[in-house]
N, C-alpha and C. Protein backbone atom coordinates (compact mmCIF):
# COMPACT_ATOMS: atom_id res chain seq x y z
N MET A 1 22.76 0.00 11.22
CA MET A 1 22.03 -0.34 10.39
C MET A 1 22.83 -1.12 9.33
N ALA A 2 22.15 -2.39 8.89
CA ALA A 2 22.66 -3.26 8.48
C ALA A 2 22.49 -3.50 6.93
N ASN A 3 24.08 -3.97 6.01
CA ASN A 3 23.74 -4.02 4.61
C ASN A 3 24.37 -5.13 4.42
N GLU A 4 23.51 -6.12 4.41
CA GLU A 4 24.62 -7.76 3.88
C GLU A 4 24.21 -8.50 3.20
N LYS A 5 25.65 -9.61 2.95
CA LYS A 5 24.70 -10.06 1.14
C LYS A 5 25.30 -11.83 2.04
N GLN A 6 23.51 -11.74 1.68
CA GLN A 6 23.40 -13.45 2.16
C GLN A 6 22.36 -13.83 0.80
N GLY A 7 22.94 -15.34 0.29
CA GLY A 7 23.21 -15.53 -0.33
C GLY A 7 22.78 -15.11 -2.43
N GLY A 8 23.32 -14.03 -2.31
CA GLY A 8 23.66 -13.13 -3.35
C GLY A 8 22.96 -11.97 -3.74
N SER A 9 21.28 -12.03 -2.42
CA SER A 9 21.23 -11.16 -2.22
C SER A 9 21.80 -9.73 -1.28
N MET A 10 21.29 -8.71 -1.62
CA MET A 10 21.42 -8.12 -0.40
C MET A 10 20.68 -6.62 -0.13
N PHE A 11 19.90 -7.19 1.45
CA PHE A 11 19.32 -6.50 2.02
C PHE A 11 19.53 -5.13 3.15
N ASN A 12 18.65 -4.77 3.83
CA ASN A 12 18.81 -3.34 4.91
C ASN A 12 18.13 -3.89 5.75
N ALA A 13 18.43 -3.46 6.73
CA ALA A 13 17.87 -4.41 8.15
C ALA A 13 18.14 -2.99 9.33
N LEU A 14 16.84 -2.01 9.23
CA LEU A 14 17.39 -1.58 10.93
C LEU A 14 16.83 -1.92 12.29
N THR A 15 17.89 -2.69 13.03
CA THR A 15 17.78 -3.97 14.03
C THR A 15 17.00 -3.26 16.11
N VAL A 16 16.49 -4.12 16.40
CA VAL A 16 15.84 -3.99 18.40
C VAL A 16 16.71 -2.84 18.22
N GLY A 17 16.39 -1.58 19.13
CA GLY A 17 16.93 -0.71 19.91
C GLY A 17 17.13 0.23 18.69
N SER A 18 17.43 0.49 17.55
CA SER A 18 17.36 1.34 16.29
C SER A 18 15.91 2.28 16.48
N LYS A 19 16.83 4.01 16.34
CA LYS A 19 15.59 4.09 15.71
C LYS A 19 16.61 5.87 14.31
N VAL A 20 14.79 4.95 13.58
CA VAL A 20 15.65 6.37 12.90
C VAL A 20 14.32 7.58 12.10
N VAL A 21 14.65 8.67 12.57
CA VAL A 21 13.54 10.24 11.98
C VAL A 21 14.16 10.42 11.07
N GLY A 22 13.63 10.37 9.70
CA GLY A 22 13.82 10.66 9.19
C GLY A 22 13.40 10.33 7.46
N THR A 23 14.13 10.44 6.58
CA THR A 23 12.96 9.71 5.00
C THR A 23 14.61 9.10 4.73
N ILE A 24 14.53 7.08 4.64
CA ILE A 24 14.91 6.85 3.83
C ILE A 24 15.02 6.60 2.65
N ALA A 25 16.11 6.22 1.51
CA ALA A 25 15.96 5.76 0.31
C ALA A 25 16.59 4.66 -0.25
N ALA A 26 15.86 3.43 0.05
CA ALA A 26 16.84 2.47 -0.56
C ALA A 26 16.55 0.88 -1.83
N ASP A 27 17.48 0.56 -1.48
CA ASP A 27 18.09 0.49 -3.22
C ASP A 27 17.50 -1.37 -3.33
N SER A 28 17.39 -1.90 -1.74
CA SER A 28 16.62 -3.57 -1.82
C SER A 28 15.94 -3.63 -1.14
N ASP A 29 15.13 -4.33 -0.61
CA ASP A 29 14.81 -4.88 0.12
C ASP A 29 15.07 -4.49 1.90
N PHE A 30 14.72 -4.49 2.74
CA PHE A 30 14.70 -3.46 4.05
C PHE A 30 14.10 -4.49 4.70
N ARG A 31 13.93 -4.68 5.93
CA ARG A 31 13.90 -4.56 7.03
C ARG A 31 14.14 -4.14 8.33
N ILE A 32 12.49 -4.30 8.82
CA ILE A 32 12.20 -3.37 9.94
C ILE A 32 12.45 -3.89 11.61
N ASP A 33 13.85 -3.70 12.28
CA ASP A 33 12.81 -4.35 13.79
C ASP A 33 12.62 -2.70 14.67
N GLY A 34 13.48 -1.55 13.87
CA GLY A 34 13.77 -1.16 15.17
C GLY A 34 12.38 -0.52 14.79
N LEU A 35 12.55 1.29 15.34
CA LEU A 35 11.99 2.42 15.18
C LEU A 35 11.44 3.42 13.60
N ILE A 36 11.18 3.86 13.42
CA ILE A 36 12.11 4.41 11.94
C ILE A 36 10.22 5.25 12.23
N GLU A 37 10.31 6.80 12.69
CA GLU A 37 10.10 8.19 12.08
C GLU A 37 9.76 9.26 10.96
N GLY A 38 9.05 8.63 9.78
CA GLY A 38 9.69 9.63 8.86
C GLY A 38 9.08 8.31 7.71
N ASP A 39 9.34 8.86 6.43
CA ASP A 39 9.34 7.79 5.13
C ASP A 39 10.64 7.26 5.02
N LEU A 40 9.83 6.25 3.74
CA LEU A 40 10.90 5.06 4.15
C LEU A 40 9.91 5.19 2.42
N GLN A 41 11.21 4.87 1.17
CA GLN A 41 11.10 4.09 -0.58
C GLN A 41 11.92 3.56 -0.40
N CYS A 42 11.51 2.02 -0.43
CA CYS A 42 11.96 1.22 -0.70
C CYS A 42 12.15 0.22 -2.83
N SER A 43 12.70 0.50 -3.17
CA SER A 43 12.74 -0.57 -4.53
C SER A 43 12.39 -1.89 -4.56
N GLY A 44 12.81 -2.45 -3.37
CA GLY A 44 12.46 -4.24 -2.68
C GLY A 44 11.23 -3.82 -2.37
N LYS A 45 11.42 -5.08 -1.46
CA LYS A 45 10.22 -5.69 -0.33
C LYS A 45 10.96 -5.27 0.88
N VAL A 46 9.39 -4.02 1.84
CA VAL A 46 9.66 -4.52 2.94
C VAL A 46 9.56 -5.41 4.06
N VAL A 47 9.88 -5.64 5.60
CA VAL A 47 9.22 -6.24 6.42
C VAL A 47 9.39 -5.95 7.15
N ILE A 48 8.71 -5.14 8.11
CA ILE A 48 8.45 -4.86 9.64
C ILE A 48 8.03 -5.78 10.67
N GLY A 49 9.49 -6.34 11.06
CA GLY A 49 8.83 -8.02 11.93
C GLY A 49 8.12 -7.21 13.04
N GLU A 50 8.11 -8.38 14.20
CA GLU A 50 7.45 -8.39 15.62
C GLU A 50 7.13 -7.45 16.11
N GLU A 51 8.73 -6.94 16.06
CA GLU A 51 9.15 -5.59 16.97
C GLU A 51 9.52 -4.19 16.69
N GLY A 52 9.17 -4.14 15.08
CA GLY A 52 9.51 -3.22 14.32
C GLY A 52 8.30 -2.88 14.36
N LYS A 53 7.99 -1.31 14.38
CA LYS A 53 7.48 0.21 13.46
C LYS A 53 7.46 1.24 13.08
N VAL A 54 6.61 1.37 12.35
CA VAL A 54 7.02 2.10 11.60
C VAL A 54 5.64 3.71 11.36
N LYS A 55 6.11 4.88 12.33
CA LYS A 55 5.25 5.96 12.08
C LYS A 55 5.39 7.46 10.86
N GLY A 56 4.96 6.61 9.41
CA GLY A 56 4.97 7.82 8.62
C GLY A 56 4.63 7.11 7.21
N THR A 57 5.82 7.31 5.95
CA THR A 57 4.48 6.90 5.18
C THR A 57 5.49 5.55 4.07
N ILE A 58 5.52 5.09 3.57
CA ILE A 58 6.69 3.85 3.34
C ILE A 58 5.49 3.41 1.36
N THR A 59 7.02 3.67 0.38
CA THR A 59 6.01 3.60 -0.52
C THR A 59 7.30 2.05 -1.33
N CYS A 60 6.73 0.37 -1.35
CA CYS A 60 7.73 -0.38 -2.06
C CYS A 60 7.01 -0.96 -2.97
N GLN A 61 7.36 -1.97 -3.15
CA GLN A 61 6.85 -2.89 -4.74
C GLN A 61 6.39 -4.16 -3.45
N ASN A 62 6.63 -4.52 -2.51
CA ASN A 62 6.11 -5.53 -1.73
C ASN A 62 5.63 -4.72 -0.73
N ALA A 63 4.80 -5.90 0.31
CA ALA A 63 5.64 -5.66 1.52
C ALA A 63 4.85 -7.07 2.91
N GLU A 64 5.72 -7.47 3.99
CA GLU A 64 5.38 -8.23 5.30
C GLU A 64 5.06 -7.41 6.00
N ILE A 65 3.46 -7.18 6.69
CA ILE A 65 3.93 -6.53 8.12
C ILE A 65 4.02 -7.83 9.44
N LEU A 66 4.79 -7.41 9.78
CA LEU A 66 4.62 -8.01 11.55
C LEU A 66 4.48 -7.63 12.76
N GLY A 67 4.62 -6.36 12.70
CA GLY A 67 4.84 -5.70 13.38
C GLY A 67 4.11 -4.57 13.08
N PHE A 68 4.21 -2.77 13.34
CA PHE A 68 3.19 -1.86 12.98
C PHE A 68 3.15 -1.18 12.60
N LEU A 69 2.49 -0.62 11.62
CA LEU A 69 2.19 0.95 10.42
C LEU A 69 1.17 1.39 11.18
N ASP A 70 1.62 2.41 11.44
CA ASP A 70 1.56 4.26 11.50
C ASP A 70 1.12 4.96 10.65
N GLY A 71 -0.02 4.95 8.82
CA GLY A 71 0.66 6.14 7.89
C GLY A 71 0.34 5.74 7.26
N LYS A 72 1.10 5.75 5.86
CA LYS A 72 0.37 5.16 4.88
C LYS A 72 0.67 5.04 4.21
N ILE A 73 1.31 3.30 3.67
CA ILE A 73 1.78 2.43 2.88
C ILE A 73 1.02 2.67 1.59
N THR A 74 2.31 2.59 0.13
CA THR A 74 2.38 2.61 -1.31
C THR A 74 2.85 1.36 -1.54
N CYS A 75 2.08 0.36 -2.33
CA CYS A 75 2.37 -1.29 -2.34
C CYS A 75 2.44 -1.70 -4.12
N TYR A 76 3.25 -1.50 -4.77
CA TYR A 76 3.05 -1.84 -5.79
C TYR A 76 2.18 -2.80 -6.03
N GLN A 77 3.12 -4.10 -5.28
CA GLN A 77 2.18 -5.88 -5.95
C GLN A 77 1.49 -6.03 -5.23
N GLN A 78 2.21 -7.04 -3.79
CA GLN A 78 2.02 -7.61 -3.03
C GLN A 78 2.51 -7.41 -1.51
N LEU A 79 0.46 -6.83 -0.93
CA LEU A 79 1.70 -6.06 0.42
C LEU A 79 0.82 -8.04 1.72
N SER A 80 1.87 -8.66 3.06
CA SER A 80 0.81 -9.31 3.24
C SER A 80 0.84 -9.21 4.78
N LEU A 81 -0.27 -8.47 5.26
CA LEU A 81 -0.71 -8.15 6.68
C LEU A 81 -0.71 -10.01 8.07
N ARG A 82 0.55 -10.17 8.10
CA ARG A 82 0.33 -11.54 9.37
C ARG A 82 -0.03 -10.93 10.38
N SER A 83 -0.76 -12.17 11.14
CA SER A 83 -1.70 -13.11 12.03
C SER A 83 -0.93 -11.30 13.48
N SER A 84 -0.13 -11.47 13.53
CA SER A 84 0.86 -10.53 14.59
C SER A 84 0.65 -9.24 14.52
N GLY A 85 0.50 -8.10 13.38
CA GLY A 85 0.24 -7.07 12.25
C GLY A 85 -0.19 -6.62 12.16
N LYS A 86 -0.34 -5.30 11.89
CA LYS A 86 -1.29 -4.89 13.14
C LYS A 86 -0.66 -3.31 11.67
N ILE A 87 -1.79 -2.20 11.45
CA ILE A 87 -2.04 -1.28 10.31
C ILE A 87 -2.65 0.19 10.98
N GLU A 88 -2.54 1.31 10.78
CA GLU A 88 -3.28 2.31 11.02
C GLU A 88 -3.24 3.53 10.26
N GLY A 89 -4.47 2.96 8.93
CA GLY A 89 -3.80 4.41 8.76
C GLY A 89 -4.92 3.86 6.70
N GLU A 90 -4.25 4.92 5.70
CA GLU A 90 -4.13 4.40 4.87
C GLU A 90 -3.39 3.27 3.57
N VAL A 91 -3.91 1.91 2.79
CA VAL A 91 -3.69 0.66 2.00
C VAL A 91 -3.31 0.84 0.45
N LYS A 92 -2.63 1.69 -0.11
CA LYS A 92 -3.06 1.12 -1.88
C LYS A 92 -1.73 0.54 -1.91
N THR A 93 -2.52 -0.83 -2.95
CA THR A 93 -1.96 -1.57 -2.52
C THR A 93 -2.53 -2.39 -4.33
N LYS A 94 -1.92 -3.45 -5.02
CA LYS A 94 -2.57 -4.12 -5.99
C LYS A 94 -3.06 -5.54 -5.43
N THR A 95 -2.67 -6.42 -4.51
CA THR A 95 -2.69 -7.54 -3.33
C THR A 95 -2.72 -7.34 -2.28
N LEU A 96 -3.64 -7.54 -1.05
CA LEU A 96 -3.27 -7.72 -0.10
C LEU A 96 -3.92 -8.51 -0.08
N ILE A 97 -4.06 -9.51 1.64
CA ILE A 97 -3.56 -10.71 2.04
C ILE A 97 -3.78 -9.98 3.54
N VAL A 98 -5.00 -11.80 4.57
CA VAL A 98 -4.50 -10.10 6.18
C VAL A 98 -4.43 -11.46 5.91
N GLU A 99 -4.08 -12.40 8.06
CA GLU A 99 -4.23 -13.32 7.79
C GLU A 99 -5.27 -12.86 8.72
N PRO A 100 -6.22 -14.48 9.74
CA PRO A 100 -6.90 -13.64 10.90
C PRO A 100 -5.66 -12.95 12.23
N GLY A 101 -6.61 -12.54 13.10
CA GLY A 101 -5.41 -12.41 14.28
C GLY A 101 -4.57 -11.24 14.04
N ALA A 102 -4.81 -10.52 12.61
CA ALA A 102 -4.10 -9.16 12.30
C ALA A 102 -5.34 -8.30 13.32
N THR A 103 -4.61 -7.02 12.44
CA THR A 103 -5.60 -5.73 12.77
C THR A 103 -5.09 -5.19 11.82
N PHE A 104 -6.40 -3.86 10.70
CA PHE A 104 -6.53 -3.22 9.99
C PHE A 104 -7.24 -2.45 10.19
N ASP A 105 -7.10 -1.16 11.15
CA ASP A 105 -8.57 0.79 10.95
C ASP A 105 -7.56 1.32 10.42
N GLY A 106 -8.05 1.53 9.27
CA GLY A 106 -7.88 2.53 8.11
C GLY A 106 -8.20 2.18 6.97
N SER A 107 -8.04 2.48 6.12
CA SER A 107 -9.05 2.68 4.91
C SER A 107 -7.80 2.02 3.39
N CYS A 108 -8.44 0.90 2.40
CA CYS A 108 -7.92 0.32 1.69
C CYS A 108 -8.36 0.79 -0.07
N SER A 109 -7.17 0.68 -0.90
CA SER A 109 -6.89 0.93 -2.38
C SER A 109 -6.37 0.41 -2.98
N MET A 110 -7.75 -1.22 -3.23
CA MET A 110 -6.97 -2.17 -4.87
C MET A 110 -7.20 -1.03 -5.83
N ALA A 111 -6.42 -1.66 -6.65
CA ALA A 111 -5.83 -1.46 -8.21
C ALA A 111 -5.77 -2.49 -9.53
N GLN A 112 -6.56 -3.09 -10.41
CA GLN A 112 -6.26 -4.41 -10.89
C GLN A 112 -4.45 -3.50 -11.54
N LYS A 113 -4.21 -3.07 -12.19
CA LYS A 113 -3.14 -2.65 -12.23
C LYS A 113 -1.69 -2.26 -10.59
N GLY A 114 -0.59 -2.47 -11.28
CA GLY A 114 -0.15 -2.41 -9.81
C GLY A 114 -0.41 -0.63 -9.72
N ALA A 115 0.66 -0.67 -8.51
CA ALA A 115 0.03 1.31 -8.41
C ALA A 115 0.76 2.29 -8.66
N ALA A 116 2.31 1.10 -9.75
CA ALA A 116 2.80 2.20 -9.82
C ALA A 116 3.34 2.12 -11.90
N GLU A 117 2.28 1.44 -12.53
CA GLU A 117 1.66 1.98 -13.83
C GLU A 117 0.13 3.14 -13.50
N ALA A 118 -0.53 2.44 -12.94
CA ALA A 118 -1.64 4.11 -12.58
C ALA A 118 0.05 5.09 -11.61
N ALA A 119 0.39 5.95 -10.99
CA ALA A 119 0.05 6.55 -10.84
C ALA A 119 1.26 7.22 -12.63
N LYS A 120 2.40 6.28 -13.33
CA LYS A 120 2.05 6.65 -13.86
C LYS A 120 1.01 7.81 -15.80
N GLU A 121 0.41 6.68 -15.76
CA GLU A 121 -1.09 6.91 -16.01
C GLU A 121 -1.41 8.34 -15.10
N THR A 122 -1.37 8.61 -14.03
CA THR A 122 -2.20 9.34 -13.67
C THR A 122 -1.30 11.11 -14.05
N ALA A 123 -0.27 10.43 -14.30
CA ALA A 123 0.81 11.98 -14.31
C ALA A 123 1.74 11.99 -15.92
N ALA A 124 0.53 11.38 -16.79
CA ALA A 124 1.13 11.25 -18.03
C ALA A 124 -0.61 12.52 -18.48
N LYS A 125 -1.63 12.43 -17.61
CA LYS A 125 -3.21 13.22 -17.82
C LYS A 125 -2.54 14.63 -18.06
């Protein structure tokens, strides 16, 4: 994994040919071009590149899917499924953008409020 400073911002990257099994917690953006089997909790944006694959659960602020996700994703703001992307599983997000050519096989739940606000309200009850 790389953690590089570029243009004043920090991001993490899992490169092609790399595999992580387990739970990952990241305070900054995370790009996946390898394979993750497990959970990813990210305070920033998650990008699954065209070669990237995730089998598990993702929780993040924003996401862009160009590769493959098999599992669940909770995206508090915006999820973009690009034309090369494929999702099989459950999506929870505030805003969903799906480009022509993308594949989505699963369920989607969208709320007017961000998922973070909804979770706080549920926890308070």
